[in-house]
Amino acid sequence: GASPKWGRVFIPGSAAEYAYLTDFNGANFQIIAPSVPTGTRGIGVKVECPECGLLVHSVVTEGAWTVTDLRDIFAGVANTAEALRLQFGGELPHNAFRLIFRLPEVAPALVFEKSSASDTYCRTVYPRITCYAGNDLSEYTVVHELGHAFTYHTGESVTGSTFYGMIRNPPTGGAILDLSGGIVLGVIPDRENPTTKERGSDWTRGQRGWGSAARSLDFIPADQPCDFQQNAYSPYDFEIARLPAPTQEFLARTETNETAADMFLNWVYSRITTGEMYGFKNRNYRDLVGDCVSAAPGDTTDPGVARFSILTDNIMPTLATWFPTVTPTPFAG
C-alpha cells in the first residue's frame, strides 16, 4: 500500500518538508503535510521517491515545477509502470518500472528537471529528462519522454530486434497493416506530397489509429501538442533525399525515434484500459492535423487495433529478452 514514507517534497527557503502519498495503481499524487495549494510554484521544488526510483527537481531558480506538474509526472510514471507490469509481470507496478528502466535500488536515478531556457519542448538524455520553460507539461508528455528512455534501453537507434528497429521495420512484413491490407505505418511505394505534387517512396508513421490528431508535422514540435501525438514529425523521404547523407540519416532517425515514443505513449494508455481503448483508436486523422479537439471519423479497418496488437503481441514479447526477470519481491528500501 501507499505510505508517506515513499517520498518528500522540499521547497528551498522553507523549513517544512512536504510528505506526499502516491498510489501507483490509482496514479495519485497528493501533498499531505502541510497543505500546498495547487499551482504553487516553489523555487527549486525537489521531490524524492526512492521506492519508485525518481528524483524531480529544477536546475535553476526560475521555471520551477508546480505541484500540478508534479502530479502530471507521477501520473505518467504510474500509468507507465502499470502498463509494464501488465506486459512483463511483477507483483507491483514500480517493481516492473525499476527493472525495465534499470534503476538502482539504492537511490533515485531517473531525473526530471525543469530548465529556465526558453525552449518549448522536453528532451531525454537518459537518465535525465529536461523540460524547458515554455513547455506545457502534461502526463502524456511525460510518457512520451519515457518512451524515449524505453528506446534507449532497447538498443537506441540500432536496427534489428530493437524497439527502434521494429518500429522502423515492423516484423509483420515491414509494415503495420489494417484489416483491408492497407498500410497504417511503413513504406508507401508511391506517396504524393499534396502541396508540391511530387511523388516517391516514403516511410510514414501514418495519421490513422492514434489516440488523437497531431498539432504539427514539422521538425520542431508544437508548443502545445495533442495528447497522443506529441511529436509527429513526418518528412517525405523523396524530398530529404536531396540533402547531404548525414542530414538525411539524422532526419530519418528523428522521425523514427519520435514515432517510437508516440507509439509507446499510446500503447501505455491502451494497455491499462479495458473496453474501448484509451490511446490507440480506430480513427482517421489525415485531414485534422492542427486540430486536437474535433472528432475524427471512424475507420472500420481497425488501424488502432493494428498498432496496439503488433506492440502487445509481437514487439513487446520480442523485447522481453532485453530486461531482467521481473520478480514479485517488493522493493524494501
C-alpha atoms as a PDB file:
ATOM      1  CA  GLY A   1       0.000   0.000   0.000  1.00  0.00           C
ATOM      2  CA  ALA A   2       0.984   3.647  -0.297  1.00  0.00           C
ATOM      3  CA  SER A   3       2.836   5.329   2.521  1.00  0.00           C
ATOM      4  CA  PRO A   4       4.082   8.857   3.214  1.00  0.00           C
ATOM      5  CA  LYS A   5       7.489   7.222   3.606  1.00  0.00           C
ATOM      6  CA  TRP A   6       7.609   6.979  -0.172  1.00  0.00           C
ATOM      7  CA  GLY A   7       8.996  10.485  -0.502  1.00  0.00           C
ATOM      8  CA  ARG A   8       9.382  14.094   0.488  1.00  0.00           C
ATOM      9  CA  VAL A   9       8.910  17.442  -1.215  1.00  0.00           C
ATOM     10  CA  PHE A  10      11.417  20.175  -0.431  1.00  0.00           C
ATOM     11  CA  ILE A  11      10.868  23.865  -1.160  1.00  0.00           C
ATOM     12  CA  PRO A  12      14.012  25.955  -0.567  1.00  0.00           C
ATOM     13  CA  GLY A  13      13.541  28.813   1.864  1.00  0.00           C
ATOM     14  CA  SER A  14      11.057  26.816   3.863  1.00  0.00           C
ATOM     15  CA  ALA A  15      11.904  24.700   6.871  1.00  0.00           C
ATOM     16  CA  ALA A  16       8.978  22.402   6.121  1.00  0.00           C
ATOM     17  CA  GLU A  17       9.296  19.075   4.409  1.00  0.00           C
ATOM     18  CA  TYR A  18       6.161  18.169   2.494  1.00  0.00           C
ATOM     19  CA  ALA A  19       5.444  14.474   2.771  1.00  0.00           C
ATOM     20  CA  TYR A  20       3.493  13.031  -0.108  1.00  0.00           C
ATOM     21  CA  LEU A  21       1.365   9.989  -0.693  1.00  0.00           C
ATOM     22  CA  THR A  22       1.333   8.288  -4.056  1.00  0.00           C
ATOM     23  CA  ASP A  23      -0.554   5.240  -5.292  1.00  0.00           C
ATOM     24  CA  PHE A  24       0.845   3.583  -8.421  1.00  0.00           C
ATOM     25  CA  ASN A  25      -2.382   1.766  -9.200  1.00  0.00           C
ATOM     26  CA  GLY A  26      -4.564   4.841  -8.926  1.00  0.00           C
ATOM     27  CA  ALA A  27      -1.931   7.195 -10.380  1.00  0.00           C
ATOM     28  CA  ASN A  28      -2.499   9.568  -7.483  1.00  0.00           C
ATOM     29  CA  PHE A  29      -0.099  12.188  -6.195  1.00  0.00           C
ATOM     30  CA  GLN A  30      -1.138  14.154  -3.138  1.00  0.00           C
ATOM     31  CA  ILE A  31       0.775  16.549  -0.911  1.00  0.00           C
ATOM     32  CA  ILE A  32      -0.424  15.647   2.577  1.00  0.00           C
ATOM     33  CA  ALA A  33       1.521  17.671   5.163  1.00  0.00           C
ATOM     34  CA  PRO A  34       1.354  20.600   5.270  1.00  0.00           C
ATOM     35  CA  SER A  35      -1.105  21.715   2.599  1.00  0.00           C
ATOM     36  CA  VAL A  36       0.323  23.256  -0.588  1.00  0.00           C
ATOM     37  CA  PRO A  37      -2.221  24.925  -2.902  1.00  0.00           C
ATOM     38  CA  THR A  38      -2.446  23.566  -6.425  1.00  0.00           C
ATOM     39  CA  GLY A  39      -0.445  25.794  -8.751  1.00  0.00           C
ATOM     40  CA  THR A  40       2.120  26.773  -6.127  1.00  0.00           C
ATOM     41  CA  ARG A  41       5.411  27.338  -7.928  1.00  0.00           C
ATOM     42  CA  GLY A  42       8.199  26.586  -5.498  1.00  0.00           C
ATOM     43  CA  ILE A  43      11.656  27.881  -6.323  1.00  0.00           C
ATOM     44  CA  GLY A  44      13.708  24.770  -6.952  1.00  0.00           C
ATOM     45  CA  VAL A  45      10.999  22.317  -5.895  1.00  0.00           C
ATOM     46  CA  LYS A  46      12.550  18.869  -5.477  1.00  0.00           C
ATOM     47  CA  VAL A  47      10.823  15.547  -4.962  1.00  0.00           C
ATOM     48  CA  GLU A  48      12.469  12.319  -3.913  1.00  0.00           C
ATOM     49  CA  CYS A  49      10.765   8.958  -4.332  1.00  0.00           C
ATOM     50  CA  PRO A  50      13.360   6.271  -3.557  1.00  0.00           C
ATOM     51  CA  GLU A  51      10.857   3.443  -3.822  1.00  0.00           C
ATOM     52  CA  CYS A  52       9.876   4.274  -7.397  1.00  0.00           C
ATOM     53  CA  GLY A  53      13.327   5.460  -8.477  1.00  0.00           C
ATOM     54  CA  LEU A  54      12.605   9.126  -9.150  1.00  0.00           C
ATOM     55  CA  LEU A  55      14.206  12.455  -8.476  1.00  0.00           C
ATOM     56  CA  VAL A  56      12.304  15.546  -9.610  1.00  0.00           C
ATOM     57  CA  HIS A  57      13.915  18.942  -9.333  1.00  0.00           C
ATOM     58  CA  SER A  58      14.604  22.168 -11.186  1.00  0.00           C
ATOM     59  CA  VAL A  59      18.118  23.201 -12.001  1.00  0.00           C
ATOM     60  CA  VAL A  60      17.552  26.938 -11.675  1.00  0.00           C
ATOM     61  CA  THR A  61      15.506  29.324  -9.581  1.00  0.00           C
ATOM     62  CA  GLU A  62      13.047  30.220 -12.353  1.00  0.00           C
ATOM     63  CA  GLY A  63      10.636  27.940 -14.124  1.00  0.00           C
ATOM     64  CA  ALA A  64      10.439  25.503 -11.245  1.00  0.00           C
ATOM     65  CA  TRP A  65       7.919  22.689 -11.234  1.00  0.00           C
ATOM     66  CA  THR A  66       4.464  23.452  -9.946  1.00  0.00           C
ATOM     67  CA  VAL A  67       2.562  20.995  -7.785  1.00  0.00           C
ATOM     68  CA  THR A  68       0.366  20.386 -10.827  1.00  0.00           C
ATOM     69  CA  ASP A  69       3.478  19.473 -12.816  1.00  0.00           C
ATOM     70  CA  LEU A  70       4.477  17.014 -10.118  1.00  0.00           C
ATOM     71  CA  ARG A  71       1.063  15.363 -10.295  1.00  0.00           C
ATOM     72  CA  ASP A  72       1.451  15.022 -14.059  1.00  0.00           C
ATOM     73  CA  ILE A  73       4.901  13.478 -13.675  1.00  0.00           C
ATOM     74  CA  PHE A  74       3.702  10.927 -11.157  1.00  0.00           C
ATOM     75  CA  ALA A  75       0.556  10.160 -13.176  1.00  0.00           C
ATOM     76  CA  GLY A  76       2.690   9.497 -16.258  1.00  0.00           C
ATOM     77  CA  VAL A  77       5.141   7.336 -14.328  1.00  0.00           C
ATOM     78  CA  ALA A  78       2.324   5.442 -12.580  1.00  0.00           C
ATOM     79  CA  ASN A  79       0.494   4.666 -15.815  1.00  0.00           C
ATOM     80  CA  THR A  80       3.716   3.576 -17.496  1.00  0.00           C
ATOM     81  CA  ALA A  81       4.598   1.353 -14.529  1.00  0.00           C
ATOM     82  CA  GLU A  82       1.205  -0.358 -14.627  1.00  0.00           C
ATOM     83  CA  ALA A  83       1.410  -0.971 -18.386  1.00  0.00           C
ATOM     84  CA  LEU A  84       4.869  -2.514 -17.981  1.00  0.00           C
ATOM     85  CA  ARG A  85       3.642  -4.698 -15.111  1.00  0.00           C
ATOM     86  CA  LEU A  86       0.724  -5.963 -17.175  1.00  0.00           C
ATOM     87  CA  GLN A  87       3.019  -6.745 -20.107  1.00  0.00           C
ATOM     88  CA  PHE A  88       6.139  -8.094 -18.400  1.00  0.00           C
ATOM     89  CA  GLY A  89       4.937  -9.208 -14.968  1.00  0.00           C
ATOM     90  CA  GLY A  90       5.732  -8.263 -11.389  1.00  0.00           C
ATOM     91  CA  GLU A  91       3.617  -8.034  -8.258  1.00  0.00           C
ATOM     92  CA  LEU A  92       3.790  -4.239  -8.011  1.00  0.00           C
ATOM     93  CA  PRO A  93       3.992  -1.716 -10.853  1.00  0.00           C
ATOM     94  CA  HIS A  94       7.054   0.069  -9.526  1.00  0.00           C
ATOM     95  CA  ASN A  95       8.976  -3.241  -9.459  1.00  0.00           C
ATOM     96  CA  ALA A  96       8.454  -3.581 -13.208  1.00  0.00           C
ATOM     97  CA  PHE A  97       9.225   0.107 -13.772  1.00  0.00           C
ATOM     98  CA  ARG A  98      12.529  -0.021 -11.908  1.00  0.00           C
ATOM     99  CA  LEU A  99      13.724  -3.218 -13.548  1.00  0.00           C
ATOM    100  CA  ILE A 100      12.784  -2.323 -17.105  1.00  0.00           C
ATOM    101  CA  PHE A 101      14.355   1.131 -16.812  1.00  0.00           C
ATOM    102  CA  ARG A 102      17.260  -0.472 -14.909  1.00  0.00           C
ATOM    103  CA  LEU A 103      17.057   1.835 -11.937  1.00  0.00           C
ATOM    104  CA  PRO A 104      19.231   1.006  -8.923  1.00  0.00           C
ATOM    105  CA  GLU A 105      17.554   0.103  -5.658  1.00  0.00           C
ATOM    106  CA  VAL A 106      19.744   2.350  -3.529  1.00  0.00           C
ATOM    107  CA  ALA A 107      18.948   5.874  -4.725  1.00  0.00           C
ATOM    108  CA  PRO A 108      16.653   7.616  -7.214  1.00  0.00           C
ATOM    109  CA  ALA A 109      18.174   7.520 -10.684  1.00  0.00           C
ATOM    110  CA  LEU A 110      15.581   8.832 -13.146  1.00  0.00           C
ATOM    111  CA  VAL A 111      15.711  12.631 -13.040  1.00  0.00           C
ATOM    112  CA  PHE A 112      13.056  15.078 -14.226  1.00  0.00           C
ATOM    113  CA  GLU A 113      14.384  18.610 -14.281  1.00  0.00           C
ATOM    114  CA  LYS A 114      12.910  21.982 -15.214  1.00  0.00           C
ATOM    115  CA  SER A 115      15.106  24.462 -17.046  1.00  0.00           C
ATOM    116  CA  SER A 116      14.628  28.226 -17.394  1.00  0.00           C
ATOM    117  CA  ALA A 117      15.771  28.129 -21.039  1.00  0.00           C
ATOM    118  CA  SER A 118      13.096  29.497 -23.344  1.00  0.00           C
ATOM    119  CA  ASP A 119      12.520  26.416 -25.496  1.00  0.00           C
ATOM    120  CA  THR A 120       9.104  24.762 -25.514  1.00  0.00           C
ATOM    121  CA  TYR A 121       9.918  21.066 -25.536  1.00  0.00           C
ATOM    122  CA  CYS A 122      11.232  18.297 -23.293  1.00  0.00           C
ATOM    123  CA  ARG A 123      14.401  16.352 -24.077  1.00  0.00           C
ATOM    124  CA  THR A 124      15.530  12.963 -22.812  1.00  0.00           C
ATOM    125  CA  VAL A 125      19.203  12.169 -22.429  1.00  0.00           C
ATOM    126  CA  TYR A 126      18.843   9.150 -20.196  1.00  0.00           C
ATOM    127  CA  PRO A 127      18.606   9.161 -17.211  1.00  0.00           C
ATOM    128  CA  ARG A 128      17.748  12.877 -17.331  1.00  0.00           C
ATOM    129  CA  ILE A 129      14.502  14.278 -18.741  1.00  0.00           C
ATOM    130  CA  THR A 130      14.685  18.060 -19.083  1.00  0.00           C
ATOM    131  CA  CYS A 131      11.635  20.207 -19.806  1.00  0.00           C
ATOM    132  CA  TYR A 132      12.209  23.801 -20.826  1.00  0.00           C
ATOM    133  CA  ALA A 133      10.426  26.877 -19.504  1.00  0.00           C
ATOM    134  CA  GLY A 134       7.968  27.197 -22.380  1.00  0.00           C
ATOM    135  CA  ASN A 135       6.816  23.585 -22.268  1.00  0.00           C
ATOM    136  CA  ASP A 136       3.179  22.986 -21.347  1.00  0.00           C
ATOM    137  CA  LEU A 137       3.727  19.756 -19.413  1.00  0.00           C
ATOM    138  CA  SER A 138       1.104  17.027 -19.315  1.00  0.00           C
ATOM    139  CA  GLU A 139       1.175  13.414 -18.188  1.00  0.00           C
ATOM    140  CA  TYR A 140       1.176  12.468 -21.885  1.00  0.00           C
ATOM    141  CA  THR A 141       4.397  14.421 -22.447  1.00  0.00           C
ATOM    142  CA  VAL A 142       5.899  12.534 -19.503  1.00  0.00           C
ATOM    143  CA  VAL A 143       5.006   9.141 -21.006  1.00  0.00           C
ATOM    144  CA  HIS A 144       6.287  10.223 -24.440  1.00  0.00           C
ATOM    145  CA  GLU A 145       9.648  11.063 -22.857  1.00  0.00           C
ATOM    146  CA  LEU A 146       9.630   7.729 -21.034  1.00  0.00           C
ATOM    147  CA  GLY A 147       9.122   6.230 -24.497  1.00  0.00           C
ATOM    148  CA  HIS A 148      12.467   7.749 -25.491  1.00  0.00           C
ATOM    149  CA  ALA A 149      14.004   6.193 -22.369  1.00  0.00           C
ATOM    150  CA  PHE A 150      12.460   2.842 -23.330  1.00  0.00           C
ATOM    151  CA  THR A 151      14.002   3.157 -26.798  1.00  0.00           C
ATOM    152  CA  TYR A 152      17.373   3.878 -25.166  1.00  0.00           C
ATOM    153  CA  HIS A 153      17.157   0.696 -23.108  1.00  0.00           C
ATOM    154  CA  THR A 154      16.326  -1.496 -26.087  1.00  0.00           C
ATOM    155  CA  GLY A 155      19.217  -0.711 -28.419  1.00  0.00           C
ATOM    156  CA  GLU A 156      18.791   3.015 -29.135  1.00  0.00           C
ATOM    157  CA  SER A 157      18.778   3.829 -32.882  1.00  0.00           C
ATOM    158  CA  VAL A 158      20.002   0.400 -33.939  1.00  0.00           C
ATOM    159  CA  THR A 159      18.035  -1.640 -36.456  1.00  0.00           C
ATOM    160  CA  GLY A 160      17.008  -5.250 -35.937  1.00  0.00           C
ATOM    161  CA  SER A 161      15.218  -6.629 -32.875  1.00  0.00           C
ATOM    162  CA  THR A 162      15.198  -3.335 -31.007  1.00  0.00           C
ATOM    163  CA  PHE A 163      12.225  -1.109 -30.258  1.00  0.00           C
ATOM    164  CA  TYR A 164      13.568   1.447 -32.746  1.00  0.00           C
ATOM    165  CA  GLY A 165      14.278  -1.250 -35.309  1.00  0.00           C
ATOM    166  CA  MET A 166      10.860  -2.883 -35.084  1.00  0.00           C
ATOM    167  CA  ILE A 167       9.087   0.463 -35.380  1.00  0.00           C
ATOM    168  CA  ARG A 168      11.130   1.371 -38.446  1.00  0.00           C
ATOM    169  CA  ASN A 169      10.742  -2.102 -39.952  1.00  0.00           C
ATOM    170  CA  PRO A 170       7.781  -3.880 -38.291  1.00  0.00           C
ATOM    171  CA  PRO A 171       8.271  -7.641 -38.006  1.00  0.00           C
ATOM    172  CA  THR A 172       4.942  -8.240 -39.767  1.00  0.00           C
ATOM    173  CA  GLY A 173       6.359  -7.866 -43.260  1.00  0.00           C
ATOM    174  CA  GLY A 174       7.900  -4.418 -42.813  1.00  0.00           C
ATOM    175  CA  ALA A 175       4.625  -2.573 -42.217  1.00  0.00           C
ATOM    176  CA  ILE A 176       1.658  -2.380 -39.861  1.00  0.00           C
ATOM    177  CA  LEU A 177      -1.414  -3.303 -41.889  1.00  0.00           C
ATOM    178  CA  ASP A 178      -5.111  -2.728 -41.255  1.00  0.00           C
ATOM    179  CA  LEU A 179      -7.861  -5.288 -41.818  1.00  0.00           C
ATOM    180  CA  SER A 180      -8.008  -4.487 -45.538  1.00  0.00           C
ATOM    181  CA  GLY A 181      -4.247  -4.770 -46.002  1.00  0.00           C
ATOM    182  CA  GLY A 182      -3.767  -1.005 -46.121  1.00  0.00           C
ATOM    183  CA  ILE A 183      -0.558   0.437 -44.697  1.00  0.00           C
ATOM    184  CA  VAL A 184      -1.015   2.041 -41.284  1.00  0.00           C
ATOM    185  CA  LEU A 185       2.735   2.533 -40.681  1.00  0.00           C
ATOM    186  CA  GLY A 186       5.584   1.694 -43.020  1.00  0.00           C
ATOM    187  CA  VAL A 187       6.820   2.326 -46.558  1.00  0.00           C
ATOM    188  CA  ILE A 188       4.312   3.596 -49.108  1.00  0.00           C
ATOM    189  CA  PRO A 189       5.900   2.978 -52.549  1.00  0.00           C
ATOM    190  CA  ASP A 190       4.203   5.866 -54.339  1.00  0.00           C
ATOM    191  CA  ARG A 191       3.169   8.649 -51.986  1.00  0.00           C
ATOM    192  CA  GLU A 192       2.301  12.208 -53.017  1.00  0.00           C
ATOM    193  CA  ASN A 193       3.146  15.434 -51.256  1.00  0.00           C
ATOM    194  CA  PRO A 194      -0.212  17.207 -51.629  1.00  0.00           C
ATOM    195  CA  THR A 195       1.475  20.626 -51.595  1.00  0.00           C
ATOM    196  CA  THR A 196       4.206  20.098 -54.200  1.00  0.00           C
ATOM    197  CA  LYS A 197       2.532  17.163 -56.030  1.00  0.00           C
ATOM    198  CA  GLU A 198       5.902  15.398 -56.012  1.00  0.00           C
ATOM    199  CA  ARG A 199       5.690  11.634 -55.620  1.00  0.00           C
ATOM    200  CA  GLY A 200       8.001   8.886 -54.452  1.00  0.00           C
ATOM    201  CA  SER A 201       8.671   6.137 -51.915  1.00  0.00           C
ATOM    202  CA  ASP A 202       8.184   7.241 -48.313  1.00  0.00           C
ATOM    203  CA  TRP A 203       8.302   5.668 -44.856  1.00  0.00           C
ATOM    204  CA  THR A 204       5.432   7.157 -42.878  1.00  0.00           C
ATOM    205  CA  ARG A 205       4.137   6.954 -39.313  1.00  0.00           C
ATOM    206  CA  GLY A 206       0.649   7.466 -40.736  1.00  0.00           C
ATOM    207  CA  GLN A 207      -2.248   9.521 -39.390  1.00  0.00           C
ATOM    208  CA  ARG A 208      -4.641   6.655 -38.684  1.00  0.00           C
ATOM    209  CA  GLY A 209      -5.007   4.715 -35.459  1.00  0.00           C
ATOM    210  CA  TRP A 210      -3.571   7.230 -32.993  1.00  0.00           C
ATOM    211  CA  GLY A 211      -5.413   8.422 -29.894  1.00  0.00           C
ATOM    212  CA  SER A 212      -5.572  11.998 -31.183  1.00  0.00           C
ATOM    213  CA  ALA A 213      -4.665  14.145 -34.150  1.00  0.00           C
ATOM    214  CA  ALA A 214      -1.256  15.807 -34.496  1.00  0.00           C
ATOM    215  CA  ARG A 215      -0.802  19.510 -33.877  1.00  0.00           C
ATOM    216  CA  SER A 216       2.037  19.753 -36.399  1.00  0.00           C
ATOM    217  CA  LEU A 217       4.054  17.543 -38.747  1.00  0.00           C
ATOM    218  CA  ASP A 218       7.051  19.894 -38.660  1.00  0.00           C
ATOM    219  CA  PHE A 219      10.524  19.161 -37.307  1.00  0.00           C
ATOM    220  CA  ILE A 220      10.093  21.441 -34.285  1.00  0.00           C
ATOM    221  CA  PRO A 221       7.336  20.059 -32.011  1.00  0.00           C
ATOM    222  CA  ALA A 222       4.317  22.207 -31.278  1.00  0.00           C
ATOM    223  CA  ASP A 223       4.203  24.373 -28.143  1.00  0.00           C
ATOM    224  CA  GLN A 224       1.044  22.561 -27.049  1.00  0.00           C
ATOM    225  CA  PRO A 225       0.985  19.148 -28.732  1.00  0.00           C
ATOM    226  CA  CYS A 226      -2.104  16.993 -28.992  1.00  0.00           C
ATOM    227  CA  ASP A 227      -2.217  14.353 -26.252  1.00  0.00           C
ATOM    228  CA  PHE A 228      -1.351  11.229 -28.221  1.00  0.00           C
ATOM    229  CA  GLN A 229       0.872  12.650 -30.952  1.00  0.00           C
ATOM    230  CA  GLN A 230       3.427  14.655 -29.028  1.00  0.00           C
ATOM    231  CA  ASN A 231       5.882  14.975 -31.927  1.00  0.00           C
ATOM    232  CA  ALA A 232       4.539  13.871 -35.289  1.00  0.00           C
ATOM    233  CA  TYR A 233       7.485  14.958 -37.459  1.00  0.00           C
ATOM    234  CA  SER A 234       6.790  13.440 -40.888  1.00  0.00           C
ATOM    235  CA  PRO A 235       9.170  14.403 -43.705  1.00  0.00           C
ATOM    236  CA  TYR A 236       8.882  12.991 -47.212  1.00  0.00           C
ATOM    237  CA  ASP A 237      11.822  10.651 -47.854  1.00  0.00           C
ATOM    238  CA  PHE A 238      11.971  11.535 -51.553  1.00  0.00           C
ATOM    239  CA  GLU A 239      12.407  15.206 -50.617  1.00  0.00           C
ATOM    240  CA  ILE A 240      15.037  14.843 -47.882  1.00  0.00           C
ATOM    241  CA  ALA A 241      16.960  12.546 -50.281  1.00  0.00           C
ATOM    242  CA  ARG A 242      18.278  15.740 -51.892  1.00  0.00           C
ATOM    243  CA  LEU A 243      20.030  16.709 -48.641  1.00  0.00           C
ATOM    244  CA  PRO A 244      23.553  15.620 -47.591  1.00  0.00           C
ATOM    245  CA  ALA A 245      23.691  11.999 -46.389  1.00  0.00           C
ATOM    246  CA  PRO A 246      24.369  12.838 -42.700  1.00  0.00           C
ATOM    247  CA  THR A 247      21.335  15.169 -42.682  1.00  0.00           C
ATOM    248  CA  GLN A 248      19.159  12.505 -44.315  1.00  0.00           C
ATOM    249  CA  GLU A 249      20.190   9.989 -41.676  1.00  0.00           C
ATOM    250  CA  PHE A 250      19.591  12.420 -38.820  1.00  0.00           C
ATOM    251  CA  LEU A 251      16.107  13.356 -40.036  1.00  0.00           C
ATOM    252  CA  ALA A 252      15.138   9.714 -40.623  1.00  0.00           C
ATOM    253  CA  ARG A 253      16.327   8.796 -37.106  1.00  0.00           C
ATOM    254  CA  THR A 254      14.392  11.722 -35.659  1.00  0.00           C
ATOM    255  CA  GLU A 255      11.201  10.670 -37.439  1.00  0.00           C
ATOM    256  CA  THR A 256      11.556   7.078 -36.240  1.00  0.00           C
ATOM    257  CA  ASN A 257      12.515   7.985 -32.674  1.00  0.00           C
ATOM    258  CA  GLU A 258       9.549  10.338 -32.308  1.00  0.00           C
ATOM    259  CA  THR A 259       7.227   7.747 -33.821  1.00  0.00           C
ATOM    260  CA  ALA A 260       8.546   5.137 -31.385  1.00  0.00           C
ATOM    261  CA  ALA A 261       7.978   7.446 -28.395  1.00  0.00           C
ATOM    262  CA  ASP A 262       4.413   8.204 -29.525  1.00  0.00           C
ATOM    263  CA  MET A 263       3.739   4.511 -30.155  1.00  0.00           C
ATOM    264  CA  PHE A 264       4.915   3.773 -26.611  1.00  0.00           C
ATOM    265  CA  LEU A 265       2.701   6.590 -25.260  1.00  0.00           C
ATOM    266  CA  ASN A 266      -0.430   5.306 -26.996  1.00  0.00           C
ATOM    267  CA  TRP A 267       0.394   1.719 -26.031  1.00  0.00           C
ATOM    268  CA  VAL A 268       0.699   2.592 -22.325  1.00  0.00           C
ATOM    269  CA  TYR A 269      -2.819   4.030 -22.157  1.00  0.00           C
ATOM    270  CA  SER A 270      -4.309   1.299 -24.323  1.00  0.00           C
ATOM    271  CA  ARG A 271      -2.621  -1.393 -22.221  1.00  0.00           C
ATOM    272  CA  ILE A 272      -4.073  -0.174 -18.919  1.00  0.00           C
ATOM    273  CA  THR A 273      -7.658   0.277 -20.112  1.00  0.00           C
ATOM    274  CA  THR A 274     -10.405  -2.221 -20.805  1.00  0.00           C
ATOM    275  CA  GLY A 275     -13.242  -1.881 -23.269  1.00  0.00           C
ATOM    276  CA  GLU A 276     -12.746   0.926 -25.798  1.00  0.00           C
ATOM    277  CA  MET A 277      -9.040   1.709 -25.914  1.00  0.00           C
ATOM    278  CA  TYR A 278      -7.782   4.988 -24.445  1.00  0.00           C
ATOM    279  CA  GLY A 279      -4.731   5.627 -26.564  1.00  0.00           C
ATOM    280  CA  PHE A 280      -4.850   3.953 -29.960  1.00  0.00           C
ATOM    281  CA  LYS A 281      -8.233   4.439 -31.634  1.00  0.00           C
ATOM    282  CA  ASN A 282      -9.780   3.198 -34.853  1.00  0.00           C
ATOM    283  CA  ARG A 283      -9.941   6.695 -36.293  1.00  0.00           C
ATOM    284  CA  ASN A 284      -8.545   8.598 -39.260  1.00  0.00           C
ATOM    285  CA  TYR A 285      -6.833  11.930 -38.516  1.00  0.00           C
ATOM    286  CA  ARG A 286      -5.473  12.598 -42.018  1.00  0.00           C
ATOM    287  CA  ASP A 287      -7.323  15.883 -42.527  1.00  0.00           C
ATOM    288  CA  LEU A 288      -7.235  17.019 -38.903  1.00  0.00           C
ATOM    289  CA  VAL A 289      -3.569  17.995 -38.468  1.00  0.00           C
ATOM    290  CA  GLY A 290      -3.518  21.051 -36.211  1.00  0.00           C
ATOM    291  CA  ASP A 291      -6.885  20.250 -34.636  1.00  0.00           C
ATOM    292  CA  CYS A 292      -6.709  18.367 -31.353  1.00  0.00           C
ATOM    293  CA  VAL A 293     -10.380  18.566 -30.433  1.00  0.00           C
ATOM    294  CA  SER A 294     -12.589  17.757 -33.424  1.00  0.00           C
ATOM    295  CA  ALA A 295     -13.913  14.219 -33.585  1.00  0.00           C
ATOM    296  CA  ALA A 296     -12.145  12.154 -36.229  1.00  0.00           C
ATOM    297  CA  PRO A 297     -14.139   9.836 -38.475  1.00  0.00           C
ATOM    298  CA  GLY A 298     -14.185   6.193 -37.504  1.00  0.00           C
ATOM    299  CA  ASP A 299     -12.144   3.705 -39.510  1.00  0.00           C
ATOM    300  CA  THR A 300     -13.678   0.239 -39.896  1.00  0.00           C
ATOM    301  CA  THR A 301     -10.313  -1.232 -40.983  1.00  0.00           C
ATOM    302  CA  ASP A 302      -9.141  -1.051 -37.327  1.00  0.00           C
ATOM    303  CA  PRO A 303      -5.843   0.861 -37.624  1.00  0.00           C
ATOM    304  CA  GLY A 304      -5.736   1.469 -33.850  1.00  0.00           C
ATOM    305  CA  VAL A 305      -6.143  -2.224 -33.091  1.00  0.00           C
ATOM    306  CA  ALA A 306      -3.410  -2.972 -35.636  1.00  0.00           C
ATOM    307  CA  ARG A 307      -0.959  -0.640 -33.881  1.00  0.00           C
ATOM    308  CA  PHE A 308      -1.815  -1.976 -30.421  1.00  0.00           C
ATOM    309  CA  SER A 309      -1.730  -5.625 -31.448  1.00  0.00           C
ATOM    310  CA  ILE A 310       1.701  -5.540 -33.046  1.00  0.00           C
ATOM    311  CA  LEU A 311       3.140  -3.898 -29.940  1.00  0.00           C
ATOM    312  CA  THR A 312       1.433  -6.138 -27.376  1.00  0.00           C
ATOM    313  CA  ASP A 313       1.575  -9.457 -29.221  1.00  0.00           C
ATOM    314  CA  ASN A 314       4.794  -9.151 -31.202  1.00  0.00           C
ATOM    315  CA  ILE A 315       7.194  -6.291 -30.427  1.00  0.00           C
ATOM    316  CA  MET A 316       6.966  -6.275 -26.612  1.00  0.00           C
ATOM    317  CA  PRO A 317       7.380 -10.062 -26.273  1.00  0.00           C
ATOM    318  CA  THR A 318      10.442  -9.846 -28.533  1.00  0.00           C
ATOM    319  CA  LEU A 319      11.890  -7.092 -26.331  1.00  0.00           C
ATOM    320  CA  ALA A 320      11.407  -9.141 -23.147  1.00  0.00           C
ATOM    321  CA  THR A 321      14.890 -10.601 -23.647  1.00  0.00           C
ATOM    322  CA  TRP A 322      16.365  -7.129 -23.078  1.00  0.00           C
ATOM    323  CA  PHE A 323      15.132  -6.959 -19.500  1.00  0.00           C
ATOM    324  CA  PRO A 324      15.950  -8.790 -16.291  1.00  0.00           C
ATOM    325  CA  THR A 325      13.222 -11.076 -14.976  1.00  0.00           C
ATOM    326  CA  VAL A 326      10.586  -9.056 -13.145  1.00  0.00           C
ATOM    327  CA  THR A 327      10.193 -10.679  -9.750  1.00  0.00           C
ATOM    328  CA  PRO A 328       7.286 -10.169  -7.317  1.00  0.00           C
ATOM    329  CA  THR A 329       9.629  -9.122  -4.489  1.00  0.00           C
ATOM    330  CA  PRO A 330       8.699  -5.584  -3.371  1.00  0.00           C
ATOM    331  CA  PHE A 331      11.440  -3.002  -3.095  1.00  0.00           C
ATOM    332  CA  ALA A 332      12.440  -2.851   0.567  1.00  0.00           C
ATOM    333  CA  GLY A 333      14.363   0.414   0.638  1.00  0.00           C
END
